[in-house]
Amino acid sequence: MHSFHFRKSFSLFLLLFASVFSNLLAQEKKPDYLGVLFSGESHQERFNPNIGLMYEWNFSQKFGAEVGIFYRTFFEEQLITISSPTVFFSDYVRYVLGFVGVPVLLRYDVGFAHVSLGPQVDIFTDWTQVRKGEITLDSYSRSPRVRVGPMLKIGREIPFKETLIFEPELRGGIRSFQVGERYFGIGLKVKKGIKKD
């Protein structure tokens, strides 16, 4: 009896999903876009610049997806103490971490703005010490090298000429589910429509 109700409910769900999806596909589609995104994110009271390429794939006038590849930076600071029988001192070590970020976001047009939400994968690539005082780092490692966290963006398209669009945006997220470090920022996307066959 329970199996029959489950199959019936599941069949109704699939029918509803297919109906909604076919309506989305039947709508007139927006063009896809290829663009460049310049952004900056606030983390530990520092503004960290990012730059990358993005691609927007639109399913309809309202729904789409956004993927990209970015070089992201984050500033970090640690207090390091060296203690021995003859020496004791503490100093702050500051460095910038570099990541390759790959966001995979779903995008929805709410009328006055676009809302994008989804995961972003960050792969640790490099580091640079920016304050060299009493302590100089010889090496730096990060484990795990790959982290995943959610990202939310709200942007508004501003057409410029015929096919070029500027899209300023507000963005925020969590760097990884394990660490839980939040960031907020702004961005400017410059994108161009791609003709579909």
N, C-alpha and C. Protein backbone atom coordinates (compact mmCIF):
# COMPACT_ATOMS: atom_id res chain seq x y z
N MET A 1 0.83 -1.21 0.00
CA MET A 1 0.00 0.00 0.00
C MET A 1 0.86 1.26 0.00
N HIS A 2 1.87 1.27 0.87
CA HIS A 2 2.77 2.42 0.94
C HIS A 2 3.53 2.59 -0.37
N SER A 3 3.91 1.45 -0.98
CA SER A 3 4.64 1.49 -2.24
C SER A 3 3.79 2.11 -3.35
N PHE A 4 2.49 1.80 -3.36
CA PHE A 4 1.59 2.35 -4.38
C PHE A 4 1.48 3.87 -4.22
N HIS A 5 1.31 4.34 -2.98
CA HIS A 5 1.21 5.79 -2.73
C HIS A 5 2.50 6.51 -3.10
N PHE A 6 3.63 5.89 -2.79
CA PHE A 6 4.92 6.49 -3.14
C PHE A 6 5.05 6.62 -4.65
N ARG A 7 4.73 5.52 -5.38
CA ARG A 7 4.84 5.56 -6.85
C ARG A 7 3.89 6.60 -7.43
N LYS A 8 2.70 6.70 -6.88
CA LYS A 8 1.73 7.69 -7.37
C LYS A 8 2.23 9.11 -7.11
N SER A 9 2.73 9.35 -5.91
CA SER A 9 3.25 10.69 -5.57
C SER A 9 4.47 11.03 -6.43
N PHE A 10 5.36 10.06 -6.60
CA PHE A 10 6.55 10.29 -7.41
C PHE A 10 6.19 10.56 -8.86
N SER A 11 5.21 9.82 -9.40
CA SER A 11 4.76 10.04 -10.77
C SER A 11 4.16 11.42 -10.95
N LEU A 12 3.39 11.88 -9.96
CA LEU A 12 2.81 13.23 -10.02
C LEU A 12 3.91 14.30 -9.97
N PHE A 13 4.93 14.06 -9.12
CA PHE A 13 6.05 14.99 -9.04
C PHE A 13 6.78 15.08 -10.38
N LEU A 14 7.06 13.92 -11.00
CA LEU A 14 7.73 13.91 -12.30
C LEU A 14 6.90 14.61 -13.36
N LEU A 15 5.58 14.40 -13.35
CA LEU A 15 4.69 15.05 -14.31
C LEU A 15 4.70 16.56 -14.13
N LEU A 16 4.66 17.02 -12.88
CA LEU A 16 4.70 18.45 -12.59
C LEU A 16 6.03 19.05 -13.02
N PHE A 17 7.15 18.36 -12.70
CA PHE A 17 8.47 18.83 -13.08
C PHE A 17 8.61 18.93 -14.59
N ALA A 18 8.13 17.89 -15.31
CA ALA A 18 8.21 17.90 -16.77
C ALA A 18 7.37 19.03 -17.36
N SER A 19 6.22 19.30 -16.75
CA SER A 19 5.36 20.38 -17.24
C SER A 19 6.03 21.75 -17.06
N VAL A 20 6.60 21.97 -15.88
CA VAL A 20 7.28 23.25 -15.62
C VAL A 20 8.49 23.40 -16.52
N PHE A 21 9.28 22.33 -16.66
CA PHE A 21 10.49 22.40 -17.48
C PHE A 21 10.15 22.63 -18.95
N SER A 22 9.10 21.97 -19.46
CA SER A 22 8.71 22.17 -20.85
C SER A 22 8.20 23.59 -21.09
N ASN A 23 7.51 24.17 -20.09
CA ASN A 23 7.08 25.58 -20.21
C ASN A 23 8.27 26.51 -20.26
N LEU A 24 9.30 26.22 -19.46
CA LEU A 24 10.52 27.05 -19.48
C LEU A 24 11.19 26.98 -20.85
N LEU A 25 11.26 25.76 -21.41
CA LEU A 25 11.91 25.60 -22.70
C LEU A 25 11.10 26.23 -23.82
N ALA A 26 9.77 26.30 -23.64
CA ALA A 26 8.91 26.86 -24.69
C ALA A 26 8.99 28.38 -24.73
N GLN A 27 9.44 29.00 -23.61
CA GLN A 27 9.54 30.45 -23.58
C GLN A 27 10.67 30.92 -24.51
N GLU A 28 10.55 32.15 -24.95
CA GLU A 28 11.61 32.74 -25.75
C GLU A 28 12.86 32.87 -24.88
N LYS A 29 13.99 32.41 -25.41
CA LYS A 29 15.22 32.41 -24.62
C LYS A 29 15.97 33.71 -24.77
N LYS A 30 16.64 34.10 -23.70
CA LYS A 30 17.62 35.18 -23.77
C LYS A 30 18.88 34.61 -24.40
N PRO A 31 19.74 35.47 -24.96
CA PRO A 31 21.01 34.95 -25.47
C PRO A 31 21.91 34.52 -24.31
N ASP A 32 22.86 33.67 -24.62
CA ASP A 32 23.91 33.36 -23.65
C ASP A 32 24.91 34.51 -23.65
N TYR A 33 25.70 34.63 -22.56
CA TYR A 33 26.64 35.73 -22.44
C TYR A 33 28.02 35.21 -22.04
N LEU A 34 29.03 35.86 -22.57
CA LEU A 34 30.41 35.62 -22.18
C LEU A 34 30.96 36.95 -21.67
N GLY A 35 31.67 36.92 -20.54
CA GLY A 35 32.11 38.20 -20.00
C GLY A 35 33.28 38.10 -19.04
N VAL A 36 33.64 39.27 -18.54
CA VAL A 36 34.72 39.43 -17.56
C VAL A 36 34.12 40.02 -16.29
N LEU A 37 34.56 39.54 -15.14
CA LEU A 37 34.06 40.04 -13.87
C LEU A 37 35.21 40.55 -13.03
N PHE A 38 35.10 41.81 -12.61
CA PHE A 38 36.05 42.41 -11.66
C PHE A 38 35.31 42.53 -10.34
N SER A 39 35.89 42.07 -9.26
CA SER A 39 35.21 42.15 -7.97
C SER A 39 36.20 42.33 -6.85
N GLY A 40 35.65 42.69 -5.71
CA GLY A 40 36.45 42.80 -4.50
C GLY A 40 35.62 42.32 -3.33
N GLU A 41 36.27 41.61 -2.41
CA GLU A 41 35.56 41.02 -1.28
C GLU A 41 36.25 41.42 0.02
N SER A 42 35.44 41.77 1.00
CA SER A 42 35.95 42.18 2.30
C SER A 42 36.09 40.96 3.20
N HIS A 43 37.31 40.76 3.71
CA HIS A 43 37.59 39.64 4.60
C HIS A 43 38.68 40.09 5.57
N GLN A 44 38.44 39.92 6.86
CA GLN A 44 39.36 40.36 7.91
C GLN A 44 39.73 41.83 7.74
N GLU A 45 38.71 42.65 7.46
CA GLU A 45 38.85 44.11 7.34
C GLU A 45 39.79 44.52 6.22
N ARG A 46 39.94 43.68 5.21
CA ARG A 46 40.74 43.99 4.04
C ARG A 46 39.91 43.80 2.79
N PHE A 47 40.20 44.60 1.76
CA PHE A 47 39.52 44.49 0.48
C PHE A 47 40.40 43.66 -0.44
N ASN A 48 39.89 42.52 -0.87
CA ASN A 48 40.66 41.56 -1.66
C ASN A 48 40.16 41.54 -3.10
N PRO A 49 40.99 41.92 -4.09
CA PRO A 49 40.55 41.97 -5.48
C PRO A 49 40.51 40.60 -6.14
N ASN A 50 39.55 40.44 -7.06
CA ASN A 50 39.39 39.21 -7.83
C ASN A 50 39.13 39.56 -9.28
N ILE A 51 39.50 38.67 -10.19
CA ILE A 51 39.21 38.88 -11.61
C ILE A 51 38.99 37.51 -12.25
N GLY A 52 38.11 37.47 -13.24
CA GLY A 52 37.88 36.18 -13.90
C GLY A 52 36.97 36.27 -15.10
N LEU A 53 36.77 35.12 -15.71
CA LEU A 53 35.89 34.98 -16.87
C LEU A 53 34.63 34.24 -16.45
N MET A 54 33.50 34.59 -17.07
CA MET A 54 32.26 33.92 -16.74
C MET A 54 31.46 33.63 -18.01
N TYR A 55 30.59 32.64 -17.90
CA TYR A 55 29.70 32.29 -19.00
C TYR A 55 28.30 32.11 -18.43
N GLU A 56 27.33 32.77 -19.05
CA GLU A 56 25.93 32.64 -18.65
C GLU A 56 25.19 31.83 -19.70
N TRP A 57 24.55 30.80 -19.24
CA TRP A 57 23.74 29.95 -20.11
C TRP A 57 22.30 30.14 -19.69
N ASN A 58 21.47 30.71 -20.56
CA ASN A 58 20.08 31.03 -20.23
C ASN A 58 19.14 29.98 -20.79
N PHE A 59 18.29 29.43 -19.89
CA PHE A 59 17.29 28.45 -20.31
C PHE A 59 16.04 29.13 -20.86
N SER A 60 15.73 30.32 -20.32
CA SER A 60 14.53 31.06 -20.71
C SER A 60 14.76 32.52 -20.40
N GLN A 61 13.70 33.33 -20.41
CA GLN A 61 13.83 34.74 -20.05
C GLN A 61 14.10 34.93 -18.56
N LYS A 62 13.70 33.96 -17.75
CA LYS A 62 13.82 34.10 -16.29
C LYS A 62 14.94 33.27 -15.67
N PHE A 63 15.15 32.06 -16.18
CA PHE A 63 16.07 31.13 -15.54
C PHE A 63 17.34 30.93 -16.35
N GLY A 64 18.44 30.72 -15.63
CA GLY A 64 19.70 30.44 -16.29
C GLY A 64 20.72 29.91 -15.30
N ALA A 65 21.94 29.73 -15.77
CA ALA A 65 23.04 29.27 -14.93
C ALA A 65 24.27 30.11 -15.26
N GLU A 66 25.16 30.21 -14.29
CA GLU A 66 26.39 30.98 -14.46
C GLU A 66 27.56 30.15 -13.96
N VAL A 67 28.57 30.00 -14.79
CA VAL A 67 29.80 29.31 -14.39
C VAL A 67 30.97 30.23 -14.70
N GLY A 68 32.09 30.01 -14.05
CA GLY A 68 33.23 30.87 -14.30
C GLY A 68 34.51 30.28 -13.76
N ILE A 69 35.59 30.99 -14.00
CA ILE A 69 36.89 30.65 -13.43
C ILE A 69 37.56 31.97 -13.04
N PHE A 70 37.98 32.09 -11.80
CA PHE A 70 38.46 33.35 -11.24
C PHE A 70 39.76 33.15 -10.48
N TYR A 71 40.54 34.22 -10.42
CA TYR A 71 41.67 34.25 -9.50
C TYR A 71 41.23 35.11 -8.31
N ARG A 72 41.12 34.48 -7.15
CA ARG A 72 40.64 35.16 -5.94
C ARG A 72 41.79 35.27 -4.94
N THR A 73 41.81 36.37 -4.21
CA THR A 73 42.83 36.55 -3.18
C THR A 73 42.17 36.80 -1.83
N PHE A 74 42.85 36.36 -0.77
CA PHE A 74 42.39 36.63 0.59
C PHE A 74 43.59 36.99 1.44
N PHE A 75 43.43 38.03 2.24
CA PHE A 75 44.47 38.48 3.16
C PHE A 75 44.29 37.73 4.48
N GLU A 76 45.38 37.26 5.05
CA GLU A 76 45.32 36.63 6.36
C GLU A 76 46.47 37.13 7.24
N GLU A 77 46.26 37.06 8.54
CA GLU A 77 47.25 37.53 9.50
C GLU A 77 47.26 36.57 10.69
N GLN A 78 48.45 36.23 11.17
CA GLN A 78 48.59 35.34 12.32
C GLN A 78 49.64 35.88 13.27
N LEU A 79 49.40 35.69 14.56
CA LEU A 79 50.40 36.02 15.57
C LEU A 79 51.23 34.77 15.82
N ILE A 80 52.54 34.88 15.58
CA ILE A 80 53.44 33.74 15.78
C ILE A 80 54.39 34.07 16.92
N THR A 81 54.51 33.13 17.83
CA THR A 81 55.39 33.29 19.00
C THR A 81 56.53 32.28 18.92
N ILE A 82 57.75 32.76 19.11
CA ILE A 82 58.93 31.90 19.14
C ILE A 82 59.46 31.91 20.57
N SER A 83 59.57 30.72 21.14
CA SER A 83 59.99 30.61 22.54
C SER A 83 61.09 29.56 22.67
N SER A 84 62.16 29.96 23.35
CA SER A 84 63.25 29.03 23.65
C SER A 84 63.89 29.50 24.96
N PRO A 85 64.84 28.75 25.50
CA PRO A 85 65.48 29.19 26.75
C PRO A 85 66.16 30.56 26.63
N THR A 86 66.60 30.92 25.42
CA THR A 86 67.33 32.19 25.27
C THR A 86 66.56 33.27 24.53
N VAL A 87 65.48 32.88 23.81
CA VAL A 87 64.76 33.84 22.97
C VAL A 87 63.26 33.70 23.20
N PHE A 88 62.60 34.85 23.30
CA PHE A 88 61.13 34.85 23.34
C PHE A 88 60.64 36.14 22.68
N PHE A 89 59.89 35.99 21.60
CA PHE A 89 59.25 37.16 21.04
C PHE A 89 58.07 36.72 20.17
N SER A 90 57.15 37.69 19.95
CA SER A 90 55.96 37.46 19.13
C SER A 90 55.90 38.52 18.05
N ASP A 91 55.35 38.13 16.91
CA ASP A 91 55.20 39.09 15.82
C ASP A 91 54.05 38.63 14.93
N TYR A 92 53.39 39.60 14.29
CA TYR A 92 52.32 39.29 13.34
C TYR A 92 52.93 39.01 11.97
N VAL A 93 52.45 37.94 11.36
CA VAL A 93 52.85 37.59 10.00
C VAL A 93 51.63 37.78 9.12
N ARG A 94 51.81 38.59 8.07
CA ARG A 94 50.70 38.86 7.15
C ARG A 94 51.05 38.31 5.77
N TYR A 95 50.06 37.70 5.12
CA TYR A 95 50.28 37.14 3.80
C TYR A 95 48.98 37.15 3.00
N VAL A 96 49.13 37.07 1.69
CA VAL A 96 48.00 37.01 0.77
C VAL A 96 47.96 35.62 0.17
N LEU A 97 46.78 34.99 0.23
CA LEU A 97 46.59 33.66 -0.33
C LEU A 97 45.90 33.78 -1.68
N GLY A 98 46.34 32.99 -2.65
CA GLY A 98 45.72 32.99 -3.97
C GLY A 98 44.94 31.70 -4.20
N PHE A 99 43.77 31.84 -4.81
CA PHE A 99 42.90 30.69 -5.09
C PHE A 99 42.39 30.79 -6.52
N VAL A 100 42.18 29.64 -7.14
CA VAL A 100 41.39 29.57 -8.37
C VAL A 100 39.98 29.19 -7.93
N GLY A 101 39.02 30.08 -8.22
CA GLY A 101 37.63 29.86 -7.83
C GLY A 101 36.79 29.45 -9.03
N VAL A 102 35.91 28.47 -8.81
CA VAL A 102 35.01 28.00 -9.87
C VAL A 102 33.59 28.00 -9.31
N PRO A 103 32.81 29.07 -9.58
CA PRO A 103 31.42 29.10 -9.13
C PRO A 103 30.50 28.38 -10.12
N VAL A 104 29.48 27.72 -9.60
CA VAL A 104 28.43 27.10 -10.42
C VAL A 104 27.11 27.56 -9.80
N LEU A 105 26.50 28.57 -10.42
CA LEU A 105 25.36 29.25 -9.82
C LEU A 105 24.11 29.14 -10.68
N LEU A 106 22.96 28.98 -10.03
CA LEU A 106 21.69 29.11 -10.72
C LEU A 106 21.27 30.57 -10.66
N ARG A 107 20.65 31.05 -11.72
CA ARG A 107 20.36 32.48 -11.87
C ARG A 107 18.87 32.66 -12.15
N TYR A 108 18.26 33.64 -11.45
CA TYR A 108 16.83 33.88 -11.63
C TYR A 108 16.57 35.39 -11.73
N ASP A 109 15.77 35.77 -12.68
CA ASP A 109 15.42 37.19 -12.89
C ASP A 109 14.16 37.50 -12.09
N VAL A 110 14.29 38.36 -11.07
CA VAL A 110 13.14 38.72 -10.24
C VAL A 110 12.49 40.02 -10.72
N GLY A 111 12.90 40.52 -11.87
CA GLY A 111 12.31 41.73 -12.44
C GLY A 111 13.24 42.92 -12.34
N PHE A 112 13.50 43.36 -11.13
CA PHE A 112 14.37 44.53 -10.93
C PHE A 112 15.83 44.13 -10.79
N ALA A 113 16.11 42.82 -10.63
CA ALA A 113 17.49 42.36 -10.44
C ALA A 113 17.58 40.88 -10.77
N HIS A 114 18.82 40.38 -10.84
CA HIS A 114 19.09 38.96 -11.01
C HIS A 114 19.66 38.42 -9.70
N VAL A 115 19.17 37.27 -9.28
CA VAL A 115 19.68 36.62 -8.07
C VAL A 115 20.37 35.33 -8.50
N SER A 116 21.62 35.14 -8.06
CA SER A 116 22.39 33.94 -8.39
C SER A 116 22.81 33.26 -7.09
N LEU A 117 22.65 31.95 -7.03
CA LEU A 117 22.96 31.20 -5.82
C LEU A 117 23.52 29.84 -6.19
N GLY A 118 24.56 29.43 -5.46
CA GLY A 118 25.12 28.10 -5.70
C GLY A 118 26.46 27.93 -5.02
N PRO A 119 27.12 26.81 -5.24
CA PRO A 119 28.42 26.55 -4.60
C PRO A 119 29.57 27.18 -5.39
N GLN A 120 30.64 27.48 -4.67
CA GLN A 120 31.89 27.90 -5.30
C GLN A 120 33.01 27.03 -4.77
N VAL A 121 33.78 26.47 -5.68
CA VAL A 121 34.94 25.65 -5.32
C VAL A 121 36.17 26.55 -5.36
N ASP A 122 36.96 26.54 -4.29
CA ASP A 122 38.22 27.30 -4.22
C ASP A 122 39.39 26.34 -4.11
N ILE A 123 40.36 26.48 -5.02
CA ILE A 123 41.55 25.64 -5.04
C ILE A 123 42.75 26.51 -4.68
N PHE A 124 43.42 26.20 -3.58
CA PHE A 124 44.57 26.99 -3.13
C PHE A 124 45.72 26.83 -4.12
N THR A 125 46.30 27.98 -4.56
CA THR A 125 47.37 27.92 -5.57
C THR A 125 48.70 28.52 -5.10
N ASP A 126 48.67 29.64 -4.36
CA ASP A 126 49.94 30.29 -4.01
C ASP A 126 49.76 31.21 -2.81
N TRP A 127 50.87 31.72 -2.30
CA TRP A 127 50.85 32.65 -1.18
C TRP A 127 52.03 33.60 -1.29
N THR A 128 51.86 34.79 -0.69
CA THR A 128 52.93 35.79 -0.66
C THR A 128 52.91 36.48 0.70
N GLN A 129 54.03 36.51 1.39
CA GLN A 129 54.11 37.23 2.66
C GLN A 129 54.22 38.72 2.36
N VAL A 130 53.35 39.53 2.98
CA VAL A 130 53.31 40.96 2.67
C VAL A 130 53.88 41.82 3.79
N ARG A 131 54.12 41.26 4.94
CA ARG A 131 54.79 42.01 6.02
C ARG A 131 55.92 41.16 6.54
N LYS A 132 57.14 41.60 6.31
CA LYS A 132 58.31 40.85 6.76
C LYS A 132 58.97 41.60 7.90
N GLY A 133 58.70 41.14 9.09
CA GLY A 133 59.30 41.75 10.27
C GLY A 133 60.37 40.84 10.81
N GLU A 134 60.21 40.48 12.08
CA GLU A 134 61.18 39.60 12.72
C GLU A 134 61.08 38.17 12.20
N ILE A 135 59.88 37.80 11.68
CA ILE A 135 59.67 36.42 11.24
C ILE A 135 59.40 36.42 9.73
N THR A 136 60.12 35.58 9.02
CA THR A 136 59.90 35.39 7.58
C THR A 136 59.55 33.93 7.34
N LEU A 137 58.44 33.72 6.67
CA LEU A 137 58.03 32.34 6.36
C LEU A 137 58.82 31.80 5.18
N ASP A 138 59.30 30.57 5.32
CA ASP A 138 59.98 29.89 4.22
C ASP A 138 59.00 29.10 3.37
N SER A 139 57.95 28.61 4.00
CA SER A 139 56.96 27.82 3.26
C SER A 139 55.60 27.97 3.92
N TYR A 140 54.57 27.67 3.16
CA TYR A 140 53.21 27.73 3.67
C TYR A 140 52.41 26.66 2.95
N SER A 141 51.65 25.89 3.70
CA SER A 141 50.79 24.87 3.10
C SER A 141 49.38 25.02 3.68
N ARG A 142 48.42 24.51 2.95
CA ARG A 142 47.03 24.65 3.36
C ARG A 142 46.34 23.31 3.15
N SER A 143 45.66 22.85 4.18
CA SER A 143 44.96 21.57 4.08
C SER A 143 43.54 21.73 4.62
N PRO A 144 42.55 21.35 3.85
CA PRO A 144 42.63 20.82 2.49
C PRO A 144 42.87 21.95 1.48
N ARG A 145 43.45 21.60 0.34
CA ARG A 145 43.72 22.60 -0.71
C ARG A 145 42.44 23.04 -1.41
N VAL A 146 41.44 22.17 -1.41
CA VAL A 146 40.17 22.46 -2.09
C VAL A 146 39.09 22.65 -1.04
N ARG A 147 38.38 23.77 -1.16
CA ARG A 147 37.28 24.05 -0.24
C ARG A 147 36.05 24.46 -1.04
N VAL A 148 34.88 24.17 -0.47
CA VAL A 148 33.61 24.48 -1.14
C VAL A 148 32.72 25.25 -0.18
N GLY A 149 32.13 26.34 -0.68
CA GLY A 149 31.21 27.12 0.13
C GLY A 149 30.14 27.76 -0.73
N PRO A 150 29.05 28.21 -0.11
CA PRO A 150 27.96 28.82 -0.87
C PRO A 150 28.23 30.27 -1.21
N MET A 151 27.67 30.71 -2.35
CA MET A 151 27.78 32.11 -2.77
C MET A 151 26.41 32.61 -3.20
N LEU A 152 26.10 33.86 -2.84
CA LEU A 152 24.87 34.53 -3.25
C LEU A 152 25.24 35.86 -3.88
N LYS A 153 24.63 36.15 -5.06
CA LYS A 153 24.90 37.41 -5.74
C LYS A 153 23.57 38.04 -6.17
N ILE A 154 23.52 39.36 -6.11
CA ILE A 154 22.38 40.12 -6.61
C ILE A 154 22.92 41.19 -7.55
N GLY A 155 22.49 41.17 -8.81
CA GLY A 155 23.01 42.11 -9.80
C GLY A 155 21.90 42.71 -10.65
N ARG A 156 22.24 43.81 -11.29
CA ARG A 156 21.27 44.48 -12.17
C ARG A 156 21.95 44.78 -13.50
N GLU A 157 21.30 44.36 -14.60
CA GLU A 157 21.85 44.57 -15.93
C GLU A 157 21.60 45.99 -16.40
N ILE A 158 22.64 46.61 -16.98
CA ILE A 158 22.55 47.94 -17.57
C ILE A 158 23.03 47.83 -19.01
N PRO A 159 22.10 47.83 -19.99
CA PRO A 159 22.51 47.70 -21.40
C PRO A 159 23.37 48.88 -21.84
N PHE A 160 24.40 48.58 -22.64
CA PHE A 160 25.28 49.61 -23.18
C PHE A 160 25.49 49.28 -24.65
N LYS A 161 25.08 50.20 -25.51
CA LYS A 161 25.08 49.95 -26.95
C LYS A 161 24.13 48.79 -27.25
N GLU A 162 24.47 47.97 -28.26
CA GLU A 162 23.51 46.95 -28.67
C GLU A 162 23.69 45.62 -27.96
N THR A 163 24.90 45.14 -27.88
CA THR A 163 25.11 43.79 -27.35
C THR A 163 25.93 43.76 -26.06
N LEU A 164 26.44 44.90 -25.61
CA LEU A 164 27.27 44.94 -24.41
C LEU A 164 26.42 45.30 -23.20
N ILE A 165 26.64 44.59 -22.09
CA ILE A 165 25.87 44.82 -20.87
C ILE A 165 26.82 44.96 -19.69
N PHE A 166 26.60 46.00 -18.87
CA PHE A 166 27.28 46.14 -17.59
C PHE A 166 26.34 45.59 -16.52
N GLU A 167 26.91 44.88 -15.55
CA GLU A 167 26.09 44.36 -14.46
C GLU A 167 26.81 44.52 -13.12
N PRO A 168 26.54 45.63 -12.42
CA PRO A 168 27.08 45.75 -11.06
C PRO A 168 26.37 44.75 -10.14
N GLU A 169 27.09 44.27 -9.13
CA GLU A 169 26.49 43.26 -8.26
C GLU A 169 27.00 43.38 -6.83
N LEU A 170 26.17 42.90 -5.92
CA LEU A 170 26.54 42.68 -4.52
C LEU A 170 26.72 41.18 -4.35
N ARG A 171 27.73 40.79 -3.58
CA ARG A 171 28.03 39.36 -3.45
C ARG A 171 28.43 39.03 -2.02
N GLY A 172 28.16 37.82 -1.62
CA GLY A 172 28.52 37.38 -0.29
C GLY A 172 28.51 35.87 -0.23
N GLY A 173 29.18 35.34 0.78
CA GLY A 173 29.21 33.90 0.91
C GLY A 173 30.05 33.45 2.08
N ILE A 174 30.30 32.16 2.10
CA ILE A 174 31.14 31.53 3.12
C ILE A 174 32.25 30.80 2.39
N ARG A 175 33.48 31.04 2.78
CA ARG A 175 34.63 30.49 2.05
C ARG A 175 34.63 28.96 2.03
N SER A 176 34.19 28.34 3.10
CA SER A 176 34.07 26.89 3.09
C SER A 176 33.14 26.48 4.21
N PHE A 177 32.48 25.33 4.02
CA PHE A 177 31.61 24.82 5.06
C PHE A 177 32.40 24.40 6.30
N GLN A 178 33.67 23.95 6.11
CA GLN A 178 34.47 23.51 7.25
C GLN A 178 34.91 24.69 8.13
N VAL A 179 35.36 25.79 7.48
CA VAL A 179 35.93 26.93 8.22
C VAL A 179 34.86 27.93 8.61
N GLY A 180 33.93 28.22 7.70
CA GLY A 180 32.84 29.12 8.00
C GLY A 180 33.19 30.60 7.96
N GLU A 181 34.25 31.00 7.26
CA GLU A 181 34.63 32.40 7.18
C GLU A 181 33.76 33.12 6.15
N ARG A 182 33.08 34.16 6.60
CA ARG A 182 32.18 34.91 5.72
C ARG A 182 32.93 36.00 4.96
N TYR A 183 32.40 36.36 3.79
CA TYR A 183 32.92 37.49 3.04
C TYR A 183 31.76 38.20 2.35
N PHE A 184 31.95 39.50 2.10
CA PHE A 184 30.97 40.32 1.39
C PHE A 184 31.75 41.17 0.39
N GLY A 185 31.09 41.54 -0.69
CA GLY A 185 31.81 42.35 -1.67
C GLY A 185 30.92 42.93 -2.74
N ILE A 186 31.59 43.55 -3.70
CA ILE A 186 30.93 44.14 -4.85
C ILE A 186 31.64 43.66 -6.11
N GLY A 187 30.96 43.77 -7.24
CA GLY A 187 31.58 43.36 -8.48
C GLY A 187 31.00 44.12 -9.65
N LEU A 188 31.70 44.07 -10.75
CA LEU A 188 31.22 44.65 -12.01
C LEU A 188 31.50 43.65 -13.12
N LYS A 189 30.41 43.18 -13.73
CA LYS A 189 30.50 42.23 -14.83
C LYS A 189 30.30 43.00 -16.13
N VAL A 190 31.16 42.73 -17.11
CA VAL A 190 31.01 43.28 -18.46
C VAL A 190 30.84 42.08 -19.38
N LYS A 191 29.66 42.00 -20.01
CA LYS A 191 29.37 40.79 -20.80
C LYS A 191 28.79 41.13 -22.16
N LYS A 192 28.95 40.19 -23.06
CA LYS A 192 28.49 40.37 -24.44
C LYS A 192 27.66 39.16 -24.84
N GLY A 193 26.55 39.42 -25.53
CA GLY A 193 25.68 38.34 -25.97
C GLY A 193 26.33 37.49 -27.05
N ILE A 194 26.05 36.19 -26.99
CA ILE A 194 26.57 35.25 -27.97
C ILE A 194 25.39 34.75 -28.82
N LYS A 195 25.52 34.80 -30.11
CA LYS A 195 24.44 34.35 -30.99
C LYS A 195 24.29 32.84 -30.91
N LYS A 196 23.03 32.41 -30.86
CA LYS A 196 22.75 30.97 -30.85
C LYS A 196 22.39 30.53 -32.26
N ASP A 197 22.81 29.29 -32.60
CA ASP A 197 22.50 28.76 -33.92
C ASP A 197 21.01 28.40 -34.02
